[in-house]
């Protein structure tokens, strides 16, 4: 698909329509359009996400907002690998770029959308059996270049701190009773390790270390520098009194 073709579709204008039925119809049609056997460029999907952003901006009342957040997140699930990475990156580039313009009356619904997009990223990786290349390309490289870039002070703190608050909660929901390996868990915590050690602001480093010290991570086999200490091992160390004369 040639770059710019998506601009010729009716979706872009319909997504920003003043009436909700037109917007809802456009989102429903997108599900089929995005799963077709075509390759989208980054430019295509950034244009699309500009329309989706304003579609969500115009949504009102809690239940329709929640339903739309779910629908927008589920656009990712049926996409092929190449398009899914580009689409996911386009979302995070859009949300971090537009964040400063979101007013206080709309902020809660956009925090919900951030939550849904983190969750669907985890679900996509789980569907791919937590393949290292998928976790790397879809999640880590995307977030390390946007919301979780430890050296970029232009990234909005609202998004960064929302991710800190929900990262392990959403991961726990997606993993469920299944277990991910300690290697995968450690890989998933890489952005927080980078912020904990190289974050440009003290507040970022403190928040990242709190995430890494969560007890759930220790239970999942994480043993990073800032991991919670095993109280059992600590007790054993205290009981040993050293060599006797």
Protein backbone atom coordinates (compact mmCIF):
# COMPACT_ATOMS: atom_id res chain seq x y z
CA UNK A 1 0.00 0.00 0.00
CA UNK A 2 1.44 3.34 -1.01
CA UNK A 3 1.95 5.92 1.68
CA UNK A 4 -0.91 8.40 1.77
CA UNK A 5 -3.59 6.01 0.43
CA UNK A 6 -5.17 5.82 3.87
CA UNK A 7 -5.89 9.52 3.61
CA UNK A 8 -8.16 8.77 0.65
CA UNK A 9 -10.36 6.42 2.65
CA UNK A 10 -13.55 7.75 4.28
CA UNK A 11 -12.32 6.72 7.73
CA UNK A 12 -10.30 9.80 8.58
CA UNK A 13 -13.16 12.27 8.18
CA UNK A 14 -15.71 9.91 9.68
CA UNK A 15 -13.61 9.36 12.81
CA UNK A 16 -13.83 13.09 13.56
CA UNK A 17 -17.54 13.38 12.74
CA UNK A 18 -19.70 15.28 15.22
CA UNK A 19 -22.22 12.43 15.61
CA UNK A 20 -21.31 9.29 17.51
CA UNK A 21 -23.04 6.75 15.17
CA UNK A 22 -20.81 7.87 12.28
CA UNK A 23 -17.69 7.59 14.43
CA UNK A 24 -18.70 4.17 15.75
CA UNK A 25 -19.34 2.92 12.20
CA UNK A 26 -15.90 4.14 11.11
CA UNK A 27 -14.19 2.29 13.99
CA UNK A 28 -16.11 -0.90 13.19
CA UNK A 29 -15.10 -0.68 9.51
CA UNK A 30 -11.47 -0.18 10.50
CA UNK A 31 -11.33 -3.63 12.08
CA UNK A 32 -11.78 -5.22 8.66
CA UNK A 33 -9.61 -2.69 6.84
CA UNK A 34 -6.62 -3.11 9.15
CA UNK A 35 -6.62 -6.90 8.97
CA UNK A 36 -6.49 -7.03 5.18
CA UNK A 37 -3.33 -8.30 3.51
CA UNK A 38 -1.69 -4.94 2.97
CA UNK A 39 1.32 -3.27 4.53
CA UNK A 40 0.85 0.11 6.17
CA UNK A 41 3.58 2.70 6.46
CA UNK A 42 4.35 4.66 9.59
CA UNK A 43 2.98 7.77 7.88
CA UNK A 44 -0.28 5.96 7.09
CA UNK A 45 -0.80 4.91 10.68
CA UNK A 46 0.20 8.21 12.24
CA UNK A 47 -2.46 9.86 10.07
CA UNK A 48 -4.94 7.21 11.14
CA UNK A 49 -4.08 7.68 14.81
CA UNK A 50 -4.62 11.39 14.52
CA UNK A 51 -8.18 10.59 13.48
CA UNK A 52 -8.59 7.95 16.19
CA UNK A 53 -7.28 10.34 18.82
CA UNK A 54 -9.93 12.93 17.99
CA UNK A 55 -12.58 10.24 17.71
CA UNK A 56 -11.80 9.35 21.32
CA UNK A 57 -11.54 13.03 22.26
CA UNK A 58 -15.15 13.56 21.10
CA UNK A 59 -16.54 10.57 23.03
CA UNK A 60 -18.61 11.42 26.07
CA UNK A 61 -20.23 9.63 29.01
CA UNK A 62 -18.37 6.87 30.87
CA UNK A 63 -19.87 3.74 29.31
CA UNK A 64 -19.42 4.80 25.66
CA UNK A 65 -15.91 5.97 26.51
CA UNK A 66 -15.02 2.63 28.08
CA UNK A 67 -16.50 0.74 25.13
CA UNK A 68 -14.59 2.87 22.64
CA UNK A 69 -11.32 2.47 24.57
CA UNK A 70 -11.82 -1.30 24.40
CA UNK A 71 -12.64 -1.17 20.68
CA UNK A 72 -9.58 0.95 19.88
CA UNK A 73 -7.31 -1.40 21.81
CA UNK A 74 -8.75 -4.45 20.07
CA UNK A 75 -7.81 -3.03 16.67
CA UNK A 76 -4.31 -4.36 17.39
CA UNK A 77 -5.17 -7.97 18.18
CA UNK A 78 -5.95 -9.36 14.70
CA UNK A 79 -3.19 -7.45 12.86
CA UNK A 80 -0.17 -9.20 11.39
CA UNK A 81 3.19 -8.79 13.11
CA UNK A 82 4.67 -6.12 10.86
CA UNK A 83 1.59 -3.91 10.91
CA UNK A 84 1.00 -4.46 14.62
CA UNK A 85 4.39 -3.02 15.54
CA UNK A 86 3.89 0.05 13.34
CA UNK A 87 0.34 0.56 14.60
CA UNK A 88 1.36 0.20 18.26
CA UNK A 89 4.22 2.66 17.85
CA UNK A 90 1.91 5.13 16.11
CA UNK A 91 -0.40 5.04 19.13
CA UNK A 92 2.36 5.83 21.63
CA UNK A 93 3.87 8.53 19.46
CA UNK A 94 0.44 10.13 19.11
CA UNK A 95 -0.58 9.93 22.76
CA UNK A 96 2.72 11.35 24.03
CA UNK A 97 2.66 14.12 21.43
CA UNK A 98 -0.92 15.18 22.17
CA UNK A 99 -0.90 14.65 25.95
CA UNK A 100 -0.15 18.23 26.96
CA UNK A 101 -3.28 19.42 25.16
CA UNK A 102 -5.67 17.13 27.02
CA UNK A 103 -7.83 19.12 29.47
CA UNK A 104 -8.74 18.06 32.99
CA UNK A 105 -12.25 16.98 31.96
CA UNK A 106 -10.87 14.46 29.47
CA UNK A 107 -7.76 13.23 31.26
CA UNK A 108 -9.40 10.23 32.98
CA UNK A 109 -10.63 8.68 29.75
CA UNK A 110 -7.19 9.06 28.16
CA UNK A 111 -5.59 7.44 31.20
CA UNK A 112 -7.99 4.56 30.58
CA UNK A 113 -6.91 4.39 26.95
CA UNK A 114 -3.26 4.21 28.03
CA UNK A 115 -4.18 1.33 30.35
CA UNK A 116 -5.97 -0.51 27.56
CA UNK A 117 -3.05 -0.09 25.17
CA UNK A 118 -0.50 -1.36 27.64
CA UNK A 119 -2.73 -4.38 28.30
CA UNK A 120 -3.28 -5.19 24.63
CA UNK A 121 0.48 -4.99 24.07
CA UNK A 122 0.98 -7.59 26.78
CA UNK A 123 -1.81 -9.75 25.34
CA UNK A 124 -0.33 -9.61 21.85
CA UNK A 125 3.05 -10.74 23.18
CA UNK A 126 1.41 -13.53 25.16
CA UNK A 127 -0.39 -14.72 22.01
CA UNK A 128 3.06 -14.88 20.40
CA UNK A 129 4.29 -17.08 23.29
CA UNK A 130 6.32 -14.18 24.72
CA UNK A 131 8.80 -14.47 21.85
CA UNK A 132 11.79 -12.31 22.69
CA UNK A 133 11.79 -10.53 19.33
CA UNK A 134 8.11 -9.68 19.69
CA UNK A 135 8.49 -8.35 23.23
CA UNK A 136 11.52 -6.38 22.03
CA UNK A 137 10.00 -4.89 18.87
CA UNK A 138 6.39 -4.32 19.90
CA UNK A 139 6.73 -3.28 23.53
CA UNK A 140 10.24 -2.37 24.56
CA UNK A 141 11.64 -0.47 21.59
CA UNK A 142 8.33 1.36 21.27
CA UNK A 143 8.11 2.53 24.87
CA UNK A 144 11.84 3.12 25.32
CA UNK A 145 11.66 5.63 22.46
CA UNK A 146 8.48 7.31 23.70
CA UNK A 147 6.88 7.35 27.15
CA UNK A 148 9.65 5.45 28.94
CA UNK A 149 12.68 7.11 27.38
CA UNK A 150 14.92 7.74 30.43
CA UNK A 151 16.64 10.70 28.83
CA UNK A 152 13.73 12.54 27.22
CA UNK A 153 12.31 15.19 29.53
CA UNK A 154 9.76 16.18 26.89
CA UNK A 155 7.82 12.98 27.47
CA UNK A 156 4.71 13.70 29.58
CA UNK A 157 4.98 12.66 33.22
CA UNK A 158 1.27 11.86 33.22
CA UNK A 159 1.80 8.98 30.81
CA UNK A 160 5.04 7.84 32.45
CA UNK A 161 3.55 7.69 35.95
CA UNK A 162 0.37 6.04 34.72
CA UNK A 163 2.50 3.28 33.21
CA UNK A 164 4.42 2.93 36.48
CA UNK A 165 1.18 2.54 38.42
CA UNK A 166 -0.41 -0.03 36.09
CA UNK A 167 2.51 -1.98 34.57
CA UNK A 168 2.52 -4.92 36.97
CA UNK A 169 -1.23 -4.91 37.52
CA UNK A 170 -1.92 -5.27 33.80
CA UNK A 171 0.87 -7.82 33.36
CA UNK A 172 -0.54 -9.88 36.22
CA UNK A 173 -4.01 -9.86 34.62
CA UNK A 174 -2.66 -10.97 31.26
CA UNK A 175 -0.40 -13.68 32.64
CA UNK A 176 -3.16 -15.04 34.87
CA UNK A 177 -2.44 -18.52 36.15
CA UNK A 178 0.19 -19.06 33.47
CA UNK A 179 3.75 -18.26 34.40
CA UNK A 180 6.25 -16.31 32.36
CA UNK A 181 9.88 -17.22 32.69
CA UNK A 182 12.26 -15.22 34.85
CA UNK A 183 14.07 -14.30 31.62
CA UNK A 184 10.88 -12.81 30.14
CA UNK A 185 10.04 -11.02 33.37
CA UNK A 186 13.50 -9.49 33.47
CA UNK A 187 13.22 -8.43 29.84
CA UNK A 188 9.86 -6.77 30.49
CA UNK A 189 11.36 -4.73 33.32
CA UNK A 190 14.20 -3.33 31.20
CA UNK A 191 12.60 0.11 30.66
CA UNK A 192 12.18 0.57 34.41
CA UNK A 193 15.76 -0.51 35.10
CA UNK A 194 16.95 2.13 32.64
CA UNK A 195 14.86 4.85 34.28
CA UNK A 196 15.91 3.71 37.77
CA UNK A 197 19.57 4.19 36.92
CA UNK A 198 19.62 6.80 34.15
CA UNK A 199 16.39 8.72 34.52
CA UNK A 200 16.91 12.47 34.07
CA UNK A 201 14.74 13.35 37.06
CA UNK A 202 15.06 12.10 40.64
CA UNK A 203 11.30 11.57 40.81
CA UNK A 204 11.43 9.26 37.77
CA UNK A 205 14.23 7.20 39.30
CA UNK A 206 12.37 6.90 42.60
CA UNK A 207 9.15 5.79 40.88
CA UNK A 208 10.97 3.24 38.72
CA UNK A 209 12.69 1.73 41.76
CA UNK A 210 9.32 1.37 43.46
CA UNK A 211 8.05 -0.58 40.45
CA UNK A 212 11.12 -2.84 40.49
CA UNK A 213 10.80 -3.49 44.23
CA UNK A 214 7.26 -4.85 43.94
CA UNK A 215 6.97 -8.22 45.73
CA UNK A 216 5.24 -9.79 42.73
CA UNK A 217 8.40 -9.51 40.69
CA UNK A 218 10.40 -11.47 43.24
CA UNK A 219 7.76 -14.19 43.07
CA UNK A 220 8.11 -14.23 39.27
CA UNK A 221 11.86 -14.80 39.49
CA UNK A 222 13.10 -11.26 38.98
CA UNK A 223 16.47 -10.66 40.66
CA UNK A 224 17.51 -7.24 39.40
CA UNK A 225 19.48 -4.65 41.37
CA UNK A 226 16.36 -3.02 42.80
CA UNK A 227 14.33 -6.19 43.34
CA UNK A 228 12.66 -6.84 46.68
CA UNK A 229 14.85 -8.94 48.94
CA UNK A 230 13.80 -12.45 49.83
CA UNK A 231 12.93 -12.35 53.56
CA UNK A 232 13.71 -16.07 53.89
CA UNK A 233 17.27 -15.60 52.70
CA UNK A 234 17.67 -12.59 54.94
CA UNK A 235 16.59 -14.66 57.92
CA UNK A 236 19.08 -17.38 57.06
CA UNK A 237 21.87 -14.84 56.83
CA UNK A 238 21.00 -13.41 60.22
CA UNK A 239 20.91 -16.84 61.85
CA UNK A 240 24.44 -17.74 60.73
CA UNK A 241 26.86 -16.47 63.31
CA UNK A 242 30.09 -17.01 61.44
CA UNK A 243 32.90 -19.41 62.27
CA UNK A 244 33.40 -20.24 65.88
CA UNK A 245 36.77 -20.30 67.60
